[in-house]
N, C-alpha and C. Protein backbone atom coordinates (compact mmCIF):
# COMPACT_ATOMS: atom_id res chain seq x y z
N MET A 1 26.64 -7.97 21.21
CA MET A 1 25.17 -7.97 22.12
C MET A 1 24.15 -7.35 21.49
N ARG A 2 24.23 -5.97 20.86
CA ARG A 2 23.38 -5.35 20.29
C ARG A 2 22.49 -5.88 19.16
N VAL A 3 23.42 -7.03 18.62
CA VAL A 3 23.01 -7.35 17.43
C VAL A 3 22.13 -8.77 17.99
N VAL A 4 22.57 -9.34 19.01
CA VAL A 4 21.98 -10.64 19.85
C VAL A 4 20.04 -10.26 20.17
N THR A 5 20.25 -8.88 20.30
CA THR A 5 19.15 -8.59 21.67
C THR A 5 18.20 -7.92 20.24
N ILE A 6 18.52 -7.31 18.95
CA ILE A 6 17.85 -7.05 18.24
C ILE A 6 16.93 -8.31 17.43
N PHE A 7 18.10 -9.38 17.07
CA PHE A 7 17.70 -10.90 16.53
C PHE A 7 16.64 -11.41 17.51
N LEU A 8 16.99 -11.45 18.83
CA LEU A 8 15.99 -11.90 19.99
C LEU A 8 14.71 -11.07 19.77
N ALA A 9 14.26 -9.93 19.65
CA ALA A 9 13.53 -8.92 19.48
C ALA A 9 12.71 -9.35 17.74
N LEU A 10 13.41 -9.70 17.16
CA LEU A 10 12.51 -9.91 15.83
C LEU A 10 11.90 -11.29 15.57
N PHE A 11 12.88 -12.53 16.47
CA PHE A 11 12.19 -13.59 16.08
C PHE A 11 11.56 -14.12 16.90
N LEU A 12 11.58 -13.88 18.35
CA LEU A 12 10.98 -14.69 19.38
C LEU A 12 9.36 -14.46 19.54
N PRO A 13 9.24 -13.42 19.07
CA PRO A 13 7.72 -13.25 19.05
C PRO A 13 7.08 -14.37 18.01
N TYR A 14 7.67 -14.69 17.00
CA TYR A 14 7.01 -15.86 16.19
C TYR A 14 7.60 -16.91 16.46
N ALA A 15 8.31 -17.10 17.63
CA ALA A 15 8.93 -18.80 17.77
C ALA A 15 7.56 -19.47 18.46
N SER A 16 6.80 -19.19 19.03
CA SER A 16 5.57 -19.79 19.08
C SER A 16 4.76 -20.06 18.07
N ALA A 17 4.79 -19.56 17.46
CA ALA A 17 3.91 -19.59 16.08
C ALA A 17 4.59 -20.43 15.10
N ILE A 18 5.95 -20.85 15.44
CA ILE A 18 6.64 -21.86 14.35
C ILE A 18 6.02 -22.96 15.18
N ALA A 19 5.92 -23.36 16.42
CA ALA A 19 5.88 -24.35 17.13
C ALA A 19 4.39 -24.80 17.25
N ALA A 20 3.72 -24.11 17.02
CA ALA A 20 2.09 -24.08 17.13
C ALA A 20 1.67 -24.79 15.78
N SER A 21 0.27 -25.30 16.13
CA SER A 21 -0.36 -26.09 15.06
C SER A 21 -0.84 -24.86 13.88
N PRO A 22 -1.06 -25.27 12.80
CA PRO A 22 -2.02 -24.35 11.86
C PRO A 22 -3.31 -24.01 12.56
N GLU A 23 -4.26 -24.76 13.35
CA GLU A 23 -5.40 -24.17 13.90
C GLU A 23 -5.19 -23.41 14.75
N GLN A 24 -3.92 -23.58 15.70
CA GLN A 24 -3.65 -22.47 16.81
C GLN A 24 -3.00 -21.19 15.90
N GLN A 25 -2.26 -21.24 14.88
CA GLN A 25 -1.67 -20.10 14.30
C GLN A 25 -3.25 -19.33 13.48
N ARG A 26 -3.93 -20.07 13.13
CA ARG A 26 -5.11 -19.20 12.66
C ARG A 26 -5.86 -18.69 13.66
N GLN A 27 -5.90 -19.21 14.89
CA GLN A 27 -7.00 -18.58 15.86
C GLN A 27 -6.08 -17.20 16.42
N GLU A 28 -4.41 -17.63 16.47
CA GLU A 28 -4.11 -16.01 16.60
C GLU A 28 -4.07 -15.17 15.79
N ILE A 29 -4.04 -15.57 14.22
CA ILE A 29 -4.03 -14.33 13.22
C ILE A 29 -5.54 -13.58 13.51
N LEU A 30 -6.77 -14.46 13.88
CA LEU A 30 -8.04 -14.05 13.58
C LEU A 30 -8.49 -13.28 14.84
N LYS A 31 -7.52 -13.42 16.05
CA LYS A 31 -7.44 -12.50 17.27
C LYS A 31 -6.74 -11.42 17.19
N MET A 32 -5.61 -11.42 16.31
CA MET A 32 -4.84 -9.98 15.97
C MET A 32 -5.99 -9.19 14.92
N GLU A 33 -6.44 -9.89 14.11
CA GLU A 33 -7.46 -9.33 13.22
C GLU A 33 -8.47 -8.22 14.19
N LYS A 34 -9.50 -8.97 14.85
CA LYS A 34 -10.16 -8.37 15.77
C LYS A 34 -9.44 -6.95 16.38
N GLU A 35 -8.34 -7.61 17.42
CA GLU A 35 -7.80 -6.66 18.03
C GLU A 35 -7.27 -5.23 17.46
N THR A 36 -6.91 -5.74 15.88
CA THR A 36 -6.54 -4.52 14.88
C THR A 36 -7.53 -3.71 14.48
N LEU A 37 -8.95 -4.49 14.27
CA LEU A 37 -9.83 -3.26 13.86
C LEU A 37 -10.21 -2.70 14.76
N ALA A 38 -10.64 -3.41 15.88
CA ALA A 38 -11.18 -2.32 17.00
C ALA A 38 -10.18 -1.20 17.46
N LYS A 39 -8.87 -1.58 17.63
CA LYS A 39 -8.08 -0.34 17.71
C LYS A 39 -7.87 0.72 16.66
N LEU A 40 -8.42 0.35 15.43
CA LEU A 40 -8.34 1.14 14.18
C LEU A 40 -9.87 1.93 14.40
N TYR A 41 -10.77 1.27 14.74
CA TYR A 41 -12.02 1.71 14.99
C TYR A 41 -11.95 2.78 16.03
N ASP A 42 -11.33 2.80 16.94
CA ASP A 42 -11.08 3.55 18.28
C ASP A 42 -10.11 4.88 17.56
N LEU A 43 -9.56 4.53 16.64
CA LEU A 43 -8.48 5.90 16.71
C LEU A 43 -9.10 6.51 15.16
N GLN A 44 -9.75 5.90 14.39
CA GLN A 44 -10.21 6.57 13.12
C GLN A 44 -11.54 5.98 12.75
N PRO A 45 -12.67 6.37 13.44
CA PRO A 45 -13.85 5.59 13.69
C PRO A 45 -14.71 5.83 11.81
N SER A 46 -14.02 6.67 11.28
CA SER A 46 -14.39 6.46 9.71
C SER A 46 -14.33 5.47 9.18
N ALA A 47 -13.29 4.53 9.73
CA ALA A 47 -12.72 3.16 8.96
C ALA A 47 -13.62 2.15 9.11
N LYS A 48 -14.54 2.15 10.28
CA LYS A 48 -15.53 1.19 10.39
C LYS A 48 -16.76 1.19 8.83
N ALA A 49 -16.99 2.61 8.60
CA ALA A 49 -17.77 2.39 7.50
C ALA A 49 -17.31 2.49 6.39
N ALA A 50 -15.77 2.54 5.84
CA ALA A 50 -15.30 2.37 5.14
C ALA A 50 -15.11 0.58 4.78
N ILE A 51 -14.95 0.20 5.61
CA ILE A 51 -14.58 -0.92 5.64
C ILE A 51 -15.80 -2.07 5.06
N SER A 52 -17.09 -1.59 5.99
CA SER A 52 -18.32 -1.89 6.04
C SER A 52 -19.13 -2.03 4.31
N LYS A 53 -18.38 -0.99 3.68
CA LYS A 53 -18.72 -0.72 2.36
C LYS A 53 -17.81 -1.18 1.37
N ALA A 54 -16.92 -1.84 1.68
CA ALA A 54 -15.68 -2.25 0.57
C ALA A 54 -15.85 -3.79 0.34
N ALA A 55 -15.39 -4.37 -0.78
CA ALA A 55 -15.72 -5.46 -1.52
C ALA A 55 -14.79 -6.67 -0.10
N GLY A 56 -13.54 -5.99 0.46
CA GLY A 56 -12.86 -6.73 1.09
C GLY A 56 -11.73 -6.18 1.88
N TYR A 57 -11.36 -6.51 3.02
CA TYR A 57 -10.33 -6.07 3.71
C TYR A 57 -9.14 -6.98 3.93
N ALA A 58 -7.86 -6.64 4.54
CA ALA A 58 -6.81 -7.64 4.72
C ALA A 58 -5.86 -6.71 6.12
N VAL A 59 -5.84 -7.89 7.12
CA VAL A 59 -5.20 -7.10 8.54
C VAL A 59 -4.07 -7.67 8.37
N PHE A 60 -2.69 -7.43 8.66
CA PHE A 60 -1.72 -7.94 8.97
C PHE A 60 -0.51 -7.34 10.23
N ARG A 61 -0.18 -8.18 10.94
CA ARG A 61 1.04 -7.78 11.87
C ARG A 61 2.40 -7.91 11.25
N ASN A 62 2.91 -6.82 11.47
CA ASN A 62 4.75 -7.04 11.14
C ASN A 62 5.62 -6.66 11.96
N LEU A 63 6.72 -7.19 12.11
CA LEU A 63 7.57 -7.01 12.53
C LEU A 63 8.96 -6.62 11.97
N GLY A 64 9.67 -5.46 12.08
CA GLY A 64 10.93 -5.60 11.32
C GLY A 64 12.06 -5.38 11.93
N VAL A 65 12.94 -5.18 11.55
CA VAL A 65 14.27 -4.96 11.99
C VAL A 65 15.32 -4.56 10.85
N LYS A 66 16.06 -3.22 11.21
CA LYS A 66 16.96 -2.62 10.43
C LYS A 66 18.24 -2.29 11.38
N ILE A 67 19.45 -3.00 10.79
CA ILE A 67 20.97 -2.74 11.38
C ILE A 67 21.72 -2.24 10.60
N LEU A 68 22.16 -1.22 10.48
CA LEU A 68 23.29 -0.42 9.64
C LEU A 68 22.58 -0.07 8.21
N PHE A 69 22.77 -0.82 7.19
CA PHE A 69 22.63 -0.55 5.88
C PHE A 69 21.60 -1.53 5.51
N ALA A 70 21.26 -2.70 5.91
CA ALA A 70 19.99 -3.47 5.76
C ALA A 70 19.01 -3.92 6.56
N GLY A 71 17.79 -4.04 6.25
CA GLY A 71 16.74 -4.51 7.20
C GLY A 71 15.46 -5.39 6.34
N GLY A 72 14.82 -5.86 7.23
CA GLY A 72 13.89 -7.06 6.59
C GLY A 72 12.65 -6.90 7.50
N GLY A 73 11.64 -7.58 7.26
CA GLY A 73 10.58 -7.82 8.25
C GLY A 73 10.01 -9.37 7.72
N SER A 74 9.10 -9.66 8.73
CA SER A 74 7.96 -10.46 8.45
C SER A 74 6.80 -10.31 8.94
N GLY A 75 5.68 -10.92 8.52
CA GLY A 75 4.41 -11.09 9.16
C GLY A 75 3.21 -11.95 8.45
N LYS A 76 2.20 -11.75 9.68
CA LYS A 76 1.31 -12.94 9.20
C LYS A 76 -0.05 -12.13 9.03
N GLY A 77 -1.10 -12.38 8.32
CA GLY A 77 -2.17 -12.12 8.56
C GLY A 77 -3.68 -12.81 7.69
N VAL A 78 -4.57 -11.85 7.43
CA VAL A 78 -5.60 -12.80 6.57
C VAL A 78 -6.31 -11.46 5.70
N ALA A 79 -6.72 -12.08 4.77
CA ALA A 79 -7.50 -11.23 3.81
C ALA A 79 -8.82 -11.84 3.76
N VAL A 80 -10.26 -10.91 3.94
CA VAL A 80 -11.26 -10.99 3.82
C VAL A 80 -12.04 -10.66 2.98
N ASP A 81 -12.92 -11.64 2.10
CA ASP A 81 -14.25 -11.26 1.24
C ASP A 81 -15.09 -11.24 1.91
N ARG A 82 -15.73 -9.65 2.03
CA ARG A 82 -17.20 -9.45 2.52
C ARG A 82 -18.18 -10.14 2.13
N LYS A 83 -18.15 -10.30 0.61
CA LYS A 83 -19.08 -10.90 0.20
C LYS A 83 -19.54 -12.17 0.44
N THR A 84 -18.61 -13.19 0.33
CA THR A 84 -18.74 -14.57 1.26
C THR A 84 -18.07 -14.83 2.43
N ASN A 85 -17.58 -13.99 3.00
CA ASN A 85 -17.07 -14.12 4.44
C ASN A 85 -15.70 -15.07 4.16
N THR A 86 -15.16 -15.15 3.27
CA THR A 86 -14.24 -16.20 3.07
C THR A 86 -12.69 -15.65 3.42
N ARG A 87 -12.23 -16.32 4.16
CA ARG A 87 -11.23 -15.64 5.07
C ARG A 87 -9.73 -16.39 4.06
N THR A 88 -8.57 -16.01 3.83
CA THR A 88 -7.56 -16.37 2.91
C THR A 88 -6.41 -15.79 4.10
N TYR A 89 -5.46 -16.71 4.84
CA TYR A 89 -4.26 -16.42 5.62
C TYR A 89 -3.15 -16.20 4.58
N MET A 90 -2.75 -15.14 4.94
CA MET A 90 -1.12 -14.62 3.84
C MET A 90 -0.16 -14.52 4.90
N ARG A 91 0.69 -14.32 4.17
CA ARG A 91 2.15 -13.77 4.69
C ARG A 91 2.69 -12.63 4.11
N MET A 92 3.72 -11.77 4.77
CA MET A 92 4.49 -10.76 3.98
C MET A 92 5.56 -10.87 4.59
N GLY A 93 6.39 -10.59 3.64
CA GLY A 93 8.06 -10.18 3.86
C GLY A 93 8.55 -8.63 3.23
N GLU A 94 9.79 -8.31 3.81
CA GLU A 94 9.95 -6.82 3.48
C GLU A 94 11.63 -6.89 3.51
N VAL A 95 11.88 -6.15 2.64
CA VAL A 95 13.33 -5.86 2.35
C VAL A 95 13.25 -4.52 2.41
N GLN A 96 14.40 -3.74 3.04
CA GLN A 96 15.03 -2.35 3.11
C GLN A 96 16.30 -2.10 3.14
N ALA A 97 16.78 -1.16 2.31
CA ALA A 97 18.14 -0.55 2.26
C ALA A 97 17.96 0.71 2.82
N GLY A 98 19.27 1.05 3.40
CA GLY A 98 19.47 2.73 3.94
C GLY A 98 19.90 3.06 5.32
N LEU A 99 20.51 3.39 5.73
CA LEU A 99 21.25 3.79 7.27
C LEU A 99 20.36 3.62 8.45
N GLY A 100 20.21 2.79 9.40
CA GLY A 100 19.68 2.80 10.23
C GLY A 100 19.73 1.93 11.36
N ALA A 101 18.91 1.69 12.51
CA ALA A 101 18.96 0.56 13.22
C ALA A 101 17.90 0.66 14.03
N GLY A 102 17.18 -0.38 14.27
CA GLY A 102 16.12 -0.58 15.37
C GLY A 102 15.17 -1.72 15.01
N VAL A 103 14.16 -1.77 16.11
CA VAL A 103 12.87 -2.60 15.42
C VAL A 103 11.86 -1.75 15.46
N LYS A 104 10.57 -2.36 14.81
CA LYS A 104 9.48 -1.66 14.38
C LYS A 104 8.24 -2.66 14.40
N LYS A 105 7.34 -2.22 15.23
CA LYS A 105 6.45 -3.27 15.09
C LYS A 105 5.26 -2.69 14.51
N PHE A 106 4.29 -3.22 14.02
CA PHE A 106 3.32 -2.25 13.30
C PHE A 106 2.25 -3.23 13.08
N ARG A 107 1.08 -2.92 12.67
CA ARG A 107 0.02 -3.31 12.25
C ARG A 107 -0.79 -2.64 10.60
N VAL A 108 -1.05 -3.23 9.52
CA VAL A 108 -1.43 -2.82 8.36
C VAL A 108 -2.88 -3.37 8.28
N VAL A 109 -3.87 -2.52 7.93
CA VAL A 109 -4.83 -2.88 7.39
C VAL A 109 -5.11 -2.32 5.93
N PHE A 110 -5.62 -3.18 4.57
CA PHE A 110 -5.83 -2.79 3.64
C PHE A 110 -7.37 -2.64 3.55
N VAL A 111 -7.67 -2.05 2.68
CA VAL A 111 -9.20 -1.85 2.28
C VAL A 111 -9.50 -1.98 0.76
N PHE A 112 -10.16 -2.77 0.12
CA PHE A 112 -10.33 -3.24 -1.14
C PHE A 112 -11.75 -2.66 -1.07
N GLU A 113 -11.87 -1.59 -2.06
CA GLU A 113 -12.95 -0.99 -2.88
C GLU A 113 -13.78 -1.64 -3.77
N ASN A 114 -12.96 -2.65 -4.45
CA ASN A 114 -14.03 -3.57 -5.39
C ASN A 114 -13.20 -4.94 -5.61
N ALA A 115 -13.77 -5.73 -6.19
CA ALA A 115 -13.66 -7.47 -6.22
C ALA A 115 -12.11 -7.69 -6.73
N ASP A 116 -12.08 -7.18 -8.13
CA ASP A 116 -10.97 -7.05 -8.81
C ASP A 116 -9.72 -6.79 -7.82
N ALA A 117 -9.33 -5.78 -7.00
CA ALA A 117 -8.52 -5.48 -6.16
C ALA A 117 -7.85 -6.37 -5.24
N LEU A 118 -9.14 -7.09 -4.65
CA LEU A 118 -9.12 -7.93 -3.56
C LEU A 118 -8.53 -9.18 -4.14
N ASN A 119 -9.16 -9.57 -5.48
CA ASN A 119 -8.59 -10.89 -6.05
C ASN A 119 -7.29 -10.72 -6.45
N THR A 120 -7.06 -9.53 -6.85
CA THR A 120 -5.38 -9.61 -7.43
C THR A 120 -4.54 -9.85 -6.06
N PHE A 121 -4.95 -9.22 -4.82
CA PHE A 121 -4.32 -8.99 -3.75
C PHE A 121 -4.00 -10.73 -3.25
N VAL A 122 -5.19 -11.40 -3.05
CA VAL A 122 -5.08 -13.10 -2.70
C VAL A 122 -5.01 -13.74 -3.52
N ASN A 123 -5.17 -13.56 -4.86
CA ASN A 123 -4.75 -14.98 -5.84
C ASN A 123 -3.22 -14.83 -6.40
N GLN A 124 -3.05 -13.44 -6.80
CA GLN A 124 -1.50 -13.19 -7.17
C GLN A 124 -0.46 -12.42 -6.29
N GLY A 125 -1.18 -12.47 -5.41
CA GLY A 125 0.20 -11.65 -4.51
C GLY A 125 0.36 -10.56 -4.75
N TRP A 126 1.09 -9.80 -3.88
CA TRP A 126 1.29 -8.13 -4.30
C TRP A 126 2.69 -8.02 -4.13
N GLU A 127 3.10 -6.90 -4.31
CA GLU A 127 4.30 -6.52 -4.17
C GLU A 127 4.41 -5.16 -4.08
N PHE A 128 5.06 -4.19 -3.05
CA PHE A 128 5.31 -2.92 -3.16
C PHE A 128 6.58 -2.43 -3.81
N GLY A 129 6.91 -1.86 -4.56
CA GLY A 129 8.24 -1.80 -5.05
C GLY A 129 8.48 -0.01 -5.39
N GLY A 130 9.71 -0.16 -6.39
CA GLY A 130 9.92 1.39 -6.75
C GLY A 130 8.74 1.89 -7.26
N GLN A 131 7.80 1.58 -8.06
CA GLN A 131 6.46 1.99 -8.45
C GLN A 131 5.56 2.48 -7.64
N THR A 132 5.60 2.20 -6.49
CA THR A 132 4.11 2.05 -5.56
C THR A 132 4.44 3.93 -4.87
N THR A 133 3.56 4.39 -5.01
CA THR A 133 3.53 5.67 -4.19
C THR A 133 2.32 5.97 -3.17
N ALA A 134 2.07 6.58 -2.03
CA ALA A 134 1.28 6.67 -1.35
C ALA A 134 0.92 7.99 -1.21
N ALA A 135 -0.41 8.27 -0.65
CA ALA A 135 -0.88 9.84 -1.30
C ALA A 135 -1.52 9.54 0.26
N ALA A 136 -1.56 10.53 1.13
CA ALA A 136 -2.59 10.92 2.31
C ALA A 136 -3.49 11.43 1.82
N THR A 137 -4.88 11.20 2.40
CA THR A 137 -5.99 12.21 2.34
C THR A 137 -6.34 12.69 3.87
N THR A 138 -7.18 13.85 3.59
CA THR A 138 -7.58 14.45 4.88
C THR A 138 -8.87 14.03 4.84
N GLY A 139 -10.05 13.72 3.96
CA GLY A 139 -11.45 13.82 4.18
C GLY A 139 -12.16 12.41 3.38
N SER A 140 -13.46 12.14 3.24
CA SER A 140 -13.55 11.43 3.25
C SER A 140 -14.71 11.48 1.87
N GLU A 141 -14.09 12.52 0.81
CA GLU A 141 -15.06 12.87 -0.18
C GLU A 141 -14.48 12.14 -1.19
N GLY A 142 -15.39 11.82 -2.26
CA GLY A 142 -15.14 11.32 -3.71
C GLY A 142 -14.65 9.91 -3.32
N ALA A 143 -13.51 9.70 -3.88
CA ALA A 143 -12.54 8.50 -4.00
C ALA A 143 -11.58 8.38 -3.02
N SER A 144 -11.63 9.19 -1.49
CA SER A 144 -10.77 9.18 -0.74
C SER A 144 -11.15 8.38 0.38
N ILE A 145 -10.65 7.91 1.66
CA ILE A 145 -10.70 7.12 2.56
C ILE A 145 -10.10 8.07 4.05
N ALA A 146 -10.84 8.68 4.92
CA ALA A 146 -10.40 9.49 5.69
C ALA A 146 -9.04 8.76 6.79
N GLY A 147 -8.10 9.44 6.64
CA GLY A 147 -7.00 8.84 7.74
C GLY A 147 -6.20 7.64 6.81
N ALA A 148 -6.59 7.18 5.78
CA ALA A 148 -5.89 6.26 5.00
C ALA A 148 -5.06 6.96 4.00
N LEU A 149 -4.04 5.87 3.44
CA LEU A 149 -3.71 6.21 1.99
C LEU A 149 -3.67 5.25 1.17
N SER A 150 -3.66 5.86 -0.04
CA SER A 150 -3.95 5.63 -1.32
C SER A 150 -2.70 4.44 -1.97
N VAL A 151 -3.00 3.21 -2.28
CA VAL A 151 -1.58 2.44 -2.19
C VAL A 151 -1.80 2.14 -4.00
N SER A 152 -2.60 1.98 -4.22
CA SER A 152 -2.91 1.42 -5.35
C SER A 152 -4.85 1.82 -6.03
N PRO A 153 -4.82 1.96 -7.01
CA PRO A 153 -6.51 2.28 -7.61
C PRO A 153 -7.29 1.48 -6.64
N GLY A 154 -8.20 1.53 -6.07
CA GLY A 154 -9.00 0.86 -5.37
C GLY A 154 -8.49 0.20 -4.08
N VAL A 155 -7.08 0.41 -3.70
CA VAL A 155 -6.89 0.06 -2.29
C VAL A 155 -6.37 1.22 -1.77
N TRP A 156 -7.09 1.30 -0.43
CA TRP A 156 -6.42 2.01 0.84
C TRP A 156 -5.71 1.34 1.78
N MET A 157 -4.81 1.97 2.64
CA MET A 157 -4.32 1.42 3.77
C MET A 157 -3.87 2.41 4.93
N TYR A 158 -4.36 1.60 6.03
CA TYR A 158 -4.02 2.03 7.39
C TYR A 158 -2.87 1.56 7.79
N GLN A 159 -1.87 2.08 8.47
CA GLN A 159 -0.91 1.73 9.62
C GLN A 159 -1.15 1.96 10.84
N LEU A 160 -0.86 1.24 11.66
CA LEU A 160 -1.07 1.35 13.06
C LEU A 160 0.14 0.84 13.99
N THR A 161 0.77 2.17 14.35
CA THR A 161 1.63 1.71 15.44
C THR A 161 1.11 2.04 16.80
N ASP A 162 2.45 1.53 17.84
CA ASP A 162 1.86 1.60 19.33
C ASP A 162 1.28 2.97 19.86
N ALA A 163 2.05 4.27 18.67
CA ALA A 163 1.65 5.27 18.91
C ALA A 163 0.24 5.88 18.34
N GLY A 164 -0.36 5.02 17.60
CA GLY A 164 -1.45 5.46 16.82
C GLY A 164 -1.64 4.89 15.55
N VAL A 165 -2.26 5.81 14.69
CA VAL A 165 -2.12 5.47 13.08
C VAL A 165 -1.07 6.64 12.48
N ALA A 166 -0.13 5.79 11.41
CA ALA A 166 0.84 6.32 11.29
C ALA A 166 0.94 7.31 10.30
N VAL A 167 1.50 8.66 10.24
CA VAL A 167 1.35 9.48 9.41
C VAL A 167 1.64 8.91 7.88
N GLU A 168 2.86 8.32 7.75
CA GLU A 168 3.33 8.11 6.89
C GLU A 168 3.59 6.47 6.62
N VAL A 169 3.75 5.79 5.37
CA VAL A 169 3.80 4.28 5.51
C VAL A 169 4.95 3.93 4.63
N THR A 170 5.70 3.19 5.20
CA THR A 170 6.99 2.77 4.21
C THR A 170 6.53 1.36 3.74
N ALA A 171 6.56 1.06 2.41
CA ALA A 171 6.18 -0.36 2.09
C ALA A 171 7.00 -0.62 0.93
N LYS A 172 7.95 -0.28 0.87
CA LYS A 172 9.09 -0.19 -0.40
C LYS A 172 9.84 -1.79 -0.01
N GLY A 173 9.62 -2.61 -1.06
CA GLY A 173 10.38 -3.80 -1.07
C GLY A 173 9.56 -4.54 -0.32
N THR A 174 8.20 -4.65 -0.03
CA THR A 174 7.11 -5.62 0.88
C THR A 174 6.23 -6.51 -0.19
N LYS A 175 6.53 -7.89 -0.11
CA LYS A 175 5.23 -8.65 -0.75
C LYS A 175 4.59 -9.47 0.08
N TYR A 176 3.34 -9.49 -0.45
CA TYR A 176 2.21 -10.22 0.11
C TYR A 176 1.93 -11.53 -0.74
N TRP A 177 1.78 -12.72 0.29
CA TRP A 177 1.32 -13.89 -0.52
C TRP A 177 0.44 -14.42 0.35
N LYS A 178 -0.09 -16.02 -0.34
CA LYS A 178 -0.89 -16.93 0.42
C LYS A 178 -0.08 -17.73 1.20
N ASP A 179 -0.44 -18.21 2.55
CA ASP A 179 0.01 -18.99 3.40
C ASP A 179 -0.16 -20.69 2.99
N SER A 180 0.52 -21.12 2.09
CA SER A 180 0.06 -22.56 1.86
C SER A 180 0.32 -23.52 3.05
N GLU A 181 0.40 -23.09 4.36
CA GLU A 181 0.49 -23.89 5.48
C GLU A 181 -0.90 -23.63 5.99
N LEU A 182 -1.56 -22.54 6.20
CA LEU A 182 -2.51 -22.04 7.00
C LEU A 182 -3.84 -22.32 5.99
N ASN A 183 -3.84 -22.39 4.71
CA ASN A 183 -4.94 -22.78 3.68
C ASN A 183 -5.37 -24.00 3.46
């Protein structure tokens, strides 16, 4: 029974997206983008300045489940090129290993300091794996963004949960790619 409950918790929020038209899905993603950025700016006011100076940003909603030794998750989002105001709709998927159980909903905001980092993310996809490290920062001096984690050169990430901005980010085994149905 618990497995059924977890399965339903993981997939029911996306059932309406499966039945929705591409335009309806895009509108839901844009609404989620706006809500996520508003929450981020409320929790971490310096994020607004960081994003306004960046080449671009991406916002994703993710839902993951873990049962015993394996887990996974999926989500949708949008990457925005601030120079051209172009939006690229994207998907994400993740695989986890290790002992645990539960369902986790969270949102992720990536900030791309330069166009190369943004273009690589959008056009080639992106994968977090064993070589990826995240470093927390406490200030906004030099090449750091307060409250964000550096996930690669020129790329910062905020992770928001229901409780606020996450102290740690788990991104192992996560892949991001263009959504061919929405672009």
